[in-house]
Amino acid sequence: MENRPDAVLVSERALFDAQGSKAVYIVTPDRKAALRGVVTEGSFQGKSIVTKGLTGGEAVIVDGIAKVQPGQPVIAQTAQPGRD
């Protein structure tokens, strides 16, 4: 097993294709959705390994991403145990 201290694990449900690359929506400090381009390198325990684009402190939107628009106000909820 390889140690990647700068990588972040993200639910594969949060990732989508945007202009030929991978992206996620994050929740900004002012509680709005923002598009963030990311680079992934494989998976670990059912989650994608994000090596660029996230620092690990962001709240990533997992459910309902098909309805999200950048700049849209969002109400973040913590994932329930057992869900990714």
PDB file of N, CA and C in Angstrom:
ATOM      1  N   MET A   1       0.840  -1.186   0.000  1.00  0.00           N
ATOM      2  CA  MET A   1       0.000   0.000   0.000  1.00  0.00           C
ATOM      3  C   MET A   1       0.881   1.244   0.000  1.00  0.00           C
ATOM      4  N   GLU A   2       0.527   2.187  -0.821  1.00  0.00           N
ATOM      5  CA  GLU A   2       1.292   3.411  -0.981  1.00  0.00           C
ATOM      6  C   GLU A   2       0.713   4.502  -0.089  1.00  0.00           C
ATOM      7  N   ASN A   3       1.577   5.285   0.539  1.00  0.00           N
ATOM      8  CA  ASN A   3       1.152   6.390   1.389  1.00  0.00           C
ATOM      9  C   ASN A   3       1.158   7.671   0.552  1.00  0.00           C
ATOM     10  N   ARG A   4       0.011   8.355   0.477  1.00  0.00           N
ATOM     11  CA  ARG A   4      -0.099   9.607  -0.273  1.00  0.00           C
ATOM     12  C   ARG A   4      -0.600  10.692   0.671  1.00  0.00           C
ATOM     13  N   PRO A   5       0.306  11.384   1.344  1.00  0.00           N
ATOM     14  CA  PRO A   5      -0.118  12.356   2.362  1.00  0.00           C
ATOM     15  C   PRO A   5      -0.927  13.533   1.824  1.00  0.00           C
ATOM     16  N   ASP A   6      -0.786  13.874   0.542  1.00  0.00           N
ATOM     17  CA  ASP A   6      -1.512  15.014  -0.008  1.00  0.00           C
ATOM     18  C   ASP A   6      -2.799  14.620  -0.723  1.00  0.00           C
ATOM     19  N   ALA A   7      -3.147  13.338  -0.704  1.00  0.00           N
ATOM     20  CA  ALA A   7      -4.350  12.863  -1.398  1.00  0.00           C
ATOM     21  C   ALA A   7      -5.565  12.938  -0.473  1.00  0.00           C
ATOM     22  N   VAL A   8      -6.741  13.038  -1.092  1.00  0.00           N
ATOM     23  CA  VAL A   8      -8.012  13.095  -0.374  1.00  0.00           C
ATOM     24  C   VAL A   8      -8.910  11.997  -0.942  1.00  0.00           C
ATOM     25  N   LEU A   9      -9.605  11.258  -0.081  1.00  0.00           N
ATOM     26  CA  LEU A   9     -10.561  10.250  -0.527  1.00  0.00           C
ATOM     27  C   LEU A   9     -11.941  10.886  -0.656  1.00  0.00           C
ATOM     28  N   VAL A  10     -12.576  10.659  -1.808  1.00  0.00           N
ATOM     29  CA  VAL A  10     -13.879  11.254  -2.092  1.00  0.00           C
ATOM     30  C   VAL A  10     -14.803  10.173  -2.642  1.00  0.00           C
ATOM     31  N   SER A  11     -16.047  10.220  -2.226  1.00  0.00           N
ATOM     32  CA  SER A  11     -17.040   9.292  -2.769  1.00  0.00           C
ATOM     33  C   SER A  11     -17.066   9.386  -4.287  1.00  0.00           C
ATOM     34  N   GLU A  12     -17.098   8.234  -4.942  1.00  0.00           N
ATOM     35  CA  GLU A  12     -17.146   8.233  -6.397  1.00  0.00           C
ATOM     36  C   GLU A  12     -18.438   8.878  -6.906  1.00  0.00           C
ATOM     37  N   ARG A  13     -19.479   8.895  -6.091  1.00  0.00           N
ATOM     38  CA  ARG A  13     -20.744   9.534  -6.486  1.00  0.00           C
ATOM     39  C   ARG A  13     -20.606  11.045  -6.612  1.00  0.00           C
ATOM     40  N   ALA A  14     -19.592  11.645  -5.970  1.00  0.00           N
ATOM     41  CA  ALA A  14     -19.407  13.088  -6.023  1.00  0.00           C
ATOM     42  C   ALA A  14     -18.717  13.536  -7.308  1.00  0.00           C
ATOM     43  N   LEU A  15     -18.018  12.617  -7.982  1.00  0.00           N
ATOM     44  CA  LEU A  15     -17.255  12.965  -9.181  1.00  0.00           C
ATOM     45  C   LEU A  15     -18.110  12.943 -10.432  1.00  0.00           C
ATOM     46  N   PHE A  16     -17.816  13.866 -11.343  1.00  0.00           N
ATOM     47  CA  PHE A  16     -18.475  13.873 -12.640  1.00  0.00           C
ATOM     48  C   PHE A  16     -17.519  14.471 -13.666  1.00  0.00           C
ATOM     49  N   ASP A  17     -17.837  14.268 -14.943  1.00  0.00           N
ATOM     50  CA  ASP A  17     -17.012  14.806 -16.027  1.00  0.00           C
ATOM     51  C   ASP A  17     -17.423  16.237 -16.321  1.00  0.00           C
ATOM     52  N   ALA A  18     -16.417  17.109 -16.436  1.00  0.00           N
ATOM     53  CA  ALA A  18     -16.661  18.506 -16.786  1.00  0.00           C
ATOM     54  C   ALA A  18     -15.579  18.948 -17.771  1.00  0.00           C
ATOM     55  N   GLN A  19     -15.970  19.192 -18.995  1.00  0.00           N
ATOM     56  CA  GLN A  19     -15.055  19.640 -20.045  1.00  0.00           C
ATOM     57  C   GLN A  19     -13.856  18.709 -20.187  1.00  0.00           C
ATOM     58  N   GLY A  20     -14.110  17.417 -20.195  1.00  0.00           N
ATOM     59  CA  GLY A  20     -13.067  16.440 -20.436  1.00  0.00           C
ATOM     60  C   GLY A  20     -12.202  16.068 -19.253  1.00  0.00           C
ATOM     61  N   SER A  21     -12.506  16.605 -18.083  1.00  0.00           N
ATOM     62  CA  SER A  21     -11.754  16.233 -16.884  1.00  0.00           C
ATOM     63  C   SER A  21     -12.735  15.960 -15.748  1.00  0.00           C
ATOM     64  N   LYS A  22     -12.220  15.544 -14.610  1.00  0.00           N
ATOM     65  CA  LYS A  22     -13.063  15.239 -13.452  1.00  0.00           C
ATOM     66  C   LYS A  22     -13.282  16.501 -12.619  1.00  0.00           C
ATOM     67  N   ALA A  23     -14.443  16.550 -11.955  1.00  0.00           N
ATOM     68  CA  ALA A  23     -14.775  17.692 -11.116  1.00  0.00           C
ATOM     69  C   ALA A  23     -15.694  17.250  -9.983  1.00  0.00           C
ATOM     70  N   VAL A  24     -15.775  18.089  -8.968  1.00  0.00           N
ATOM     71  CA  VAL A  24     -16.715  17.921  -7.868  1.00  0.00           C
ATOM     72  C   VAL A  24     -17.310  19.286  -7.564  1.00  0.00           C
ATOM     73  N   TYR A  25     -18.424  19.279  -6.849  1.00  0.00           N
ATOM     74  CA  TYR A  25     -18.956  20.523  -6.294  1.00  0.00           C
ATOM     75  C   TYR A  25     -18.569  20.559  -4.823  1.00  0.00           C
ATOM     76  N   ILE A  26     -18.078  21.712  -4.384  1.00  0.00           N
ATOM     77  CA  ILE A  26     -17.787  21.904  -2.965  1.00  0.00           C
ATOM     78  C   ILE A  26     -18.730  22.965  -2.415  1.00  0.00           C
ATOM     79  N   VAL A  27     -18.819  23.036  -1.096  1.00  0.00           N
ATOM     80  CA  VAL A  27     -19.605  24.073  -0.432  1.00  0.00           C
ATOM     81  C   VAL A  27     -18.617  25.129   0.056  1.00  0.00           C
ATOM     82  N   THR A  28     -18.788  26.363  -0.408  1.00  0.00           N
ATOM     83  CA  THR A  28     -17.902  27.452  -0.020  1.00  0.00           C
ATOM     84  C   THR A  28     -18.231  27.923   1.393  1.00  0.00           C
ATOM     85  N   PRO A  29     -17.335  28.702   2.005  1.00  0.00           N
ATOM     86  CA  PRO A  29     -17.625  29.217   3.357  1.00  0.00           C
ATOM     87  C   PRO A  29     -18.912  30.042   3.437  1.00  0.00           C
ATOM     88  N   ASP A  30     -19.327  30.663   2.317  1.00  0.00           N
ATOM     89  CA  ASP A  30     -20.590  31.416   2.333  1.00  0.00           C
ATOM     90  C   ASP A  30     -21.776  30.557   1.899  1.00  0.00           C
ATOM     91  N   ARG A  31     -21.602  29.222   1.982  1.00  0.00           N
ATOM     92  CA  ARG A  31     -22.642  28.222   1.746  1.00  0.00           C
ATOM     93  C   ARG A  31     -23.230  28.256   0.343  1.00  0.00           C
ATOM     94  N   LYS A  32     -22.337  28.361  -0.643  1.00  0.00           N
ATOM     95  CA  LYS A  32     -22.752  28.284  -2.035  1.00  0.00           C
ATOM     96  C   LYS A  32     -21.974  27.178  -2.717  1.00  0.00           C
ATOM     97  N   ALA A  33     -22.564  26.614  -3.761  1.00  0.00           N
ATOM     98  CA  ALA A  33     -21.905  25.550  -4.510  1.00  0.00           C
ATOM     99  C   ALA A  33     -20.846  26.156  -5.425  1.00  0.00           C
ATOM    100  N   ALA A  34     -19.703  25.480  -5.498  1.00  0.00           N
ATOM    101  CA  ALA A  34     -18.629  25.913  -6.398  1.00  0.00           C
ATOM    102  C   ALA A  34     -18.064  24.687  -7.106  1.00  0.00           C
ATOM    103  N   LEU A  35     -17.826  24.835  -8.392  1.00  0.00           N
ATOM    104  CA  LEU A  35     -17.248  23.765  -9.190  1.00  0.00           C
ATOM    105  C   LEU A  35     -15.749  23.731  -8.949  1.00  0.00           C
ATOM    106  N   ARG A  36     -15.202  22.540  -8.746  1.00  0.00           N
ATOM    107  CA  ARG A  36     -13.763  22.396  -8.496  1.00  0.00           C
ATOM    108  C   ARG A  36     -13.229  21.258  -9.357  1.00  0.00           C
ATOM    109  N   GLY A  37     -12.302  21.569 -10.244  1.00  0.00           N
ATOM    110  CA  GLY A  37     -11.642  20.554 -11.049  1.00  0.00           C
ATOM    111  C   GLY A  37     -10.691  19.739 -10.182  1.00  0.00           C
ATOM    112  N   VAL A  38     -10.652  18.437 -10.392  1.00  0.00           N
ATOM    113  CA  VAL A  38      -9.789  17.562  -9.597  1.00  0.00           C
ATOM    114  C   VAL A  38      -9.073  16.567 -10.503  1.00  0.00           C
ATOM    115  N   VAL A  39      -7.992  16.004  -9.970  1.00  0.00           N
ATOM    116  CA  VAL A  39      -7.262  14.932 -10.639  1.00  0.00           C
ATOM    117  C   VAL A  39      -7.345  13.713  -9.734  1.00  0.00           C
ATOM    118  N   THR A  40      -7.758  12.585 -10.304  1.00  0.00           N
ATOM    119  CA  THR A  40      -7.862  11.354  -9.524  1.00  0.00           C
ATOM    120  C   THR A  40      -6.819  10.349  -9.993  1.00  0.00           C
ATOM    121  N   GLU A  41      -6.414   9.493  -9.074  1.00  0.00           N
ATOM    122  CA  GLU A  41      -5.453   8.434  -9.384  1.00  0.00           C
ATOM    123  C   GLU A  41      -5.886   7.156  -8.686  1.00  0.00           C
ATOM    124  N   GLY A  42      -6.844   6.468  -9.287  1.00  0.00           N
ATOM    125  CA  GLY A  42      -7.279   5.189  -8.757  1.00  0.00           C
ATOM    126  C   GLY A  42      -8.308   5.324  -7.647  1.00  0.00           C
ATOM    127  N   SER A  43      -8.486   4.210  -6.928  1.00  0.00           N
ATOM    128  CA  SER A  43      -9.458   4.196  -5.846  1.00  0.00           C
ATOM    129  C   SER A  43      -8.924   3.384  -4.677  1.00  0.00           C
ATOM    130  N   PHE A  44      -9.547   3.590  -3.518  1.00  0.00           N
ATOM    131  CA  PHE A  44      -9.172   2.891  -2.295  1.00  0.00           C
ATOM    132  C   PHE A  44     -10.432   2.704  -1.475  1.00  0.00           C
ATOM    133  N   GLN A  45     -10.768   1.462  -1.164  1.00  0.00           N
ATOM    134  CA  GLN A  45     -11.942   1.122  -0.361  1.00  0.00           C
ATOM    135  C   GLN A  45     -13.213   1.786  -0.874  1.00  0.00           C
ATOM    136  N   GLY A  46     -13.400   1.756  -2.201  1.00  0.00           N
ATOM    137  CA  GLY A  46     -14.616   2.285  -2.803  1.00  0.00           C
ATOM    138  C   GLY A  46     -14.672   3.789  -2.957  1.00  0.00           C
ATOM    139  N   LYS A  47     -13.594   4.479  -2.678  1.00  0.00           N
ATOM    140  CA  LYS A  47     -13.555   5.928  -2.835  1.00  0.00           C
ATOM    141  C   LYS A  47     -12.460   6.291  -3.831  1.00  0.00           C
ATOM    142  N   SER A  48     -12.636   7.407  -4.535  1.00  0.00           N
ATOM    143  CA  SER A  48     -11.631   7.877  -5.480  1.00  0.00           C
ATOM    144  C   SER A  48     -10.524   8.608  -4.740  1.00  0.00           C
ATOM    145  N   ILE A  49      -9.302   8.411  -5.212  1.00  0.00           N
ATOM    146  CA  ILE A  49      -8.148   9.103  -4.641  1.00  0.00           C
ATOM    147  C   ILE A  49      -7.937  10.389  -5.436  1.00  0.00           C
ATOM    148  N   VAL A  50      -8.179  11.531  -4.807  1.00  0.00           N
ATOM    149  CA  VAL A  50      -8.001  12.832  -5.446  1.00  0.00           C
ATOM    150  C   VAL A  50      -6.622  13.350  -5.067  1.00  0.00           C
ATOM    151  N   THR A  51      -5.769  13.547  -6.082  1.00  0.00           N
ATOM    152  CA  THR A  51      -4.399  13.981  -5.824  1.00  0.00           C
ATOM    153  C   THR A  51      -4.187  15.463  -6.072  1.00  0.00           C
ATOM    154  N   LYS A  52      -5.116  16.103  -6.790  1.00  0.00           N
ATOM    155  CA  LYS A  52      -5.023  17.554  -7.040  1.00  0.00           C
ATOM    156  C   LYS A  52      -6.418  18.142  -7.070  1.00  0.00           C
ATOM    157  N   GLY A  53      -6.552  19.350  -6.523  1.00  0.00           N
ATOM    158  CA  GLY A  53      -7.819  20.068  -6.580  1.00  0.00           C
ATOM    159  C   GLY A  53      -8.526  20.215  -5.248  1.00  0.00           C
ATOM    160  N   LEU A  54      -8.217  19.338  -4.283  1.00  0.00           N
ATOM    161  CA  LEU A  54      -8.807  19.429  -2.945  1.00  0.00           C
ATOM    162  C   LEU A  54      -7.693  19.377  -1.902  1.00  0.00           C
ATOM    163  N   THR A  55      -7.910  20.063  -0.789  1.00  0.00           N
ATOM    164  CA  THR A  55      -6.905  20.050   0.276  1.00  0.00           C
ATOM    165  C   THR A  55      -7.296  19.156   1.441  1.00  0.00           C
ATOM    166  N   GLY A  56      -8.568  18.774   1.505  1.00  0.00           N
ATOM    167  CA  GLY A  56      -9.019  17.895   2.574  1.00  0.00           C
ATOM    168  C   GLY A  56      -9.933  18.580   3.564  1.00  0.00           C
ATOM    169  N   GLY A  57     -10.057  19.891   3.525  1.00  0.00           N
ATOM    170  CA  GLY A  57     -10.936  20.585   4.449  1.00  0.00           C
ATOM    171  C   GLY A  57     -12.272  20.967   3.848  1.00  0.00           C
ATOM    172  N   GLU A  58     -12.460  20.724   2.556  1.00  0.00           N
ATOM    173  CA  GLU A  58     -13.679  21.144   1.886  1.00  0.00           C
ATOM    174  C   GLU A  58     -14.837  20.189   2.144  1.00  0.00           C
ATOM    175  N   ALA A  59     -16.046  20.738   2.127  1.00  0.00           N
ATOM    176  CA  ALA A  59     -17.253  19.918   2.152  1.00  0.00           C
ATOM    177  C   ALA A  59     -17.612  19.645   0.701  1.00  0.00           C
ATOM    178  N   VAL A  60     -17.661  18.363   0.319  1.00  0.00           N
ATOM    179  CA  VAL A  60     -17.948  17.962  -1.061  1.00  0.00           C
ATOM    180  C   VAL A  60     -19.398  17.515  -1.153  1.00  0.00           C
ATOM    181  N   ILE A  61     -20.095  17.989  -2.178  1.00  0.00           N
ATOM    182  CA  ILE A  61     -21.487  17.606  -2.390  1.00  0.00           C
ATOM    183  C   ILE A  61     -21.521  16.226  -3.045  1.00  0.00           C
ATOM    184  N   VAL A  62     -22.249  15.304  -2.428  1.00  0.00           N
ATOM    185  CA  VAL A  62     -22.328  13.927  -2.917  1.00  0.00           C
ATOM    186  C   VAL A  62     -23.701  13.641  -3.517  1.00  0.00           C
ATOM    187  N   ASP A  63     -24.756  14.011  -2.847  1.00  0.00           N
ATOM    188  CA  ASP A  63     -26.122  13.726  -3.313  1.00  0.00           C
ATOM    189  C   ASP A  63     -26.704  14.924  -4.050  1.00  0.00           C
ATOM    190  N   GLY A  64     -27.402  14.644  -5.141  1.00  0.00           N
ATOM    191  CA  GLY A  64     -28.109  15.690  -5.872  1.00  0.00           C
ATOM    192  C   GLY A  64     -27.244  16.538  -6.778  1.00  0.00           C
ATOM    193  N   ILE A  65     -26.063  16.044  -7.160  1.00  0.00           N
ATOM    194  CA  ILE A  65     -25.165  16.883  -7.967  1.00  0.00           C
ATOM    195  C   ILE A  65     -25.745  17.211  -9.342  1.00  0.00           C
ATOM    196  N   ALA A  66     -26.671  16.414  -9.839  1.00  0.00           N
ATOM    197  CA  ALA A  66     -27.269  16.699 -11.148  1.00  0.00           C
ATOM    198  C   ALA A  66     -28.094  17.983 -11.124  1.00  0.00           C
ATOM    199  N   LYS A  67     -28.540  18.395  -9.946  1.00  0.00           N
ATOM    200  CA  LYS A  67     -29.376  19.585  -9.820  1.00  0.00           C
ATOM    201  C   LYS A  67     -28.592  20.817  -9.385  1.00  0.00           C
ATOM    202  N   VAL A  68     -27.320  20.656  -9.052  1.00  0.00           N
ATOM    203  CA  VAL A  68     -26.519  21.756  -8.503  1.00  0.00           C
ATOM    204  C   VAL A  68     -26.008  22.663  -9.614  1.00  0.00           C
ATOM    205  N   GLN A  69     -26.017  23.961  -9.345  1.00  0.00           N
ATOM    206  CA  GLN A  69     -25.457  24.961 -10.249  1.00  0.00           C
ATOM    207  C   GLN A  69     -24.424  25.787  -9.468  1.00  0.00           C
ATOM    208  N   PRO A  70     -23.303  26.148 -10.088  1.00  0.00           N
ATOM    209  CA  PRO A  70     -22.319  26.990  -9.388  1.00  0.00           C
ATOM    210  C   PRO A  70     -22.954  28.283  -8.887  1.00  0.00           C
ATOM    211  N   GLY A  71     -22.634  28.662  -7.660  1.00  0.00           N
ATOM    212  CA  GLY A  71     -23.168  29.874  -7.050  1.00  0.00           C
ATOM    213  C   GLY A  71     -24.496  29.682  -6.348  1.00  0.00           C
ATOM    214  N   GLN A  72     -25.109  28.516  -6.517  1.00  0.00           N
ATOM    215  CA  GLN A  72     -26.403  28.228  -5.899  1.00  0.00           C
ATOM    216  C   GLN A  72     -26.239  28.084  -4.386  1.00  0.00           C
ATOM    217  N   PRO A  73     -27.104  28.702  -3.590  1.00  0.00           N
ATOM    218  CA  PRO A  73     -27.047  28.487  -2.141  1.00  0.00           C
ATOM    219  C   PRO A  73     -27.347  27.024  -1.813  1.00  0.00           C
ATOM    220  N   VAL A  74     -26.622  26.476  -0.853  1.00  0.00           N
ATOM    221  CA  VAL A  74     -26.825  25.084  -0.450  1.00  0.00           C
ATOM    222  C   VAL A  74     -26.881  24.981   1.062  1.00  0.00           C
ATOM    223  N   ILE A  75     -27.559  23.956   1.519  1.00  0.00           N
ATOM    224  CA  ILE A  75     -27.592  23.638   2.942  1.00  0.00           C
ATOM    225  C   ILE A  75     -26.858  22.314   3.098  1.00  0.00           C
ATOM    226  N   ALA A  76     -25.676  22.367   3.689  1.00  0.00           N
ATOM    227  CA  ALA A  76     -24.854  21.173   3.823  1.00  0.00           C
ATOM    228  C   ALA A  76     -25.367  20.307   4.982  1.00  0.00           C
ATOM    229  N   GLN A  77     -25.345  19.000   4.749  1.00  0.00           N
ATOM    230  CA  GLN A  77     -25.695  18.028   5.779  1.00  0.00           C
ATOM    231  C   GLN A  77     -24.572  17.013   5.843  1.00  0.00           C
ATOM    232  N   THR A  78     -24.214  16.619   7.044  1.00  0.00           N
ATOM    233  CA  THR A  78     -23.170  15.619   7.215  1.00  0.00           C
ATOM    234  C   THR A  78     -23.700  14.266   6.785  1.00  0.00           C
ATOM    235  N   ALA A  79     -22.861  13.507   6.076  1.00  0.00           N
ATOM    236  CA  ALA A  79     -23.260  12.169   5.628  1.00  0.00           C
ATOM    237  C   ALA A  79     -23.550  11.280   6.814  1.00  0.00           C
ATOM    238  N   GLN A  80     -24.530  10.416   6.655  1.00  0.00           N
ATOM    239  CA  GLN A  80     -24.890   9.471   7.708  1.00  0.00           C
ATOM    240  C   GLN A  80     -23.849   8.347   7.768  1.00  0.00           C
ATOM    241  N   PRO A  81     -23.571   7.792   8.933  1.00  0.00           N
ATOM    242  CA  PRO A  81     -22.630   6.676   9.020  1.00  0.00           C
ATOM    243  C   PRO A  81     -23.062   5.523   8.113  1.00  0.00           C
ATOM    244  N   GLY A  82     -22.077   4.923   7.459  1.00  0.00           N
ATOM    245  CA  GLY A  82     -22.364   3.834   6.558  1.00  0.00           C
ATOM    246  C   GLY A  82     -22.578   4.276   5.122  1.00  0.00           C
ATOM    247  N   ARG A  83     -22.737   5.567   4.899  1.00  0.00           N
ATOM    248  CA  ARG A  83     -22.869   6.097   3.540  1.00  0.00           C
ATOM    249  C   ARG A  83     -21.548   6.769   3.199  1.00  0.00           C
ATOM    250  N   ASP A  84     -21.274   6.882   1.900  1.00  0.00           N
ATOM    251  CA  ASP A  84     -20.027   7.547   1.504  1.00  0.00           C
ATOM    252  C   ASP A  84     -20.264   8.910   1.061  1.00  0.00           C
TER     253      ASP A  84
END
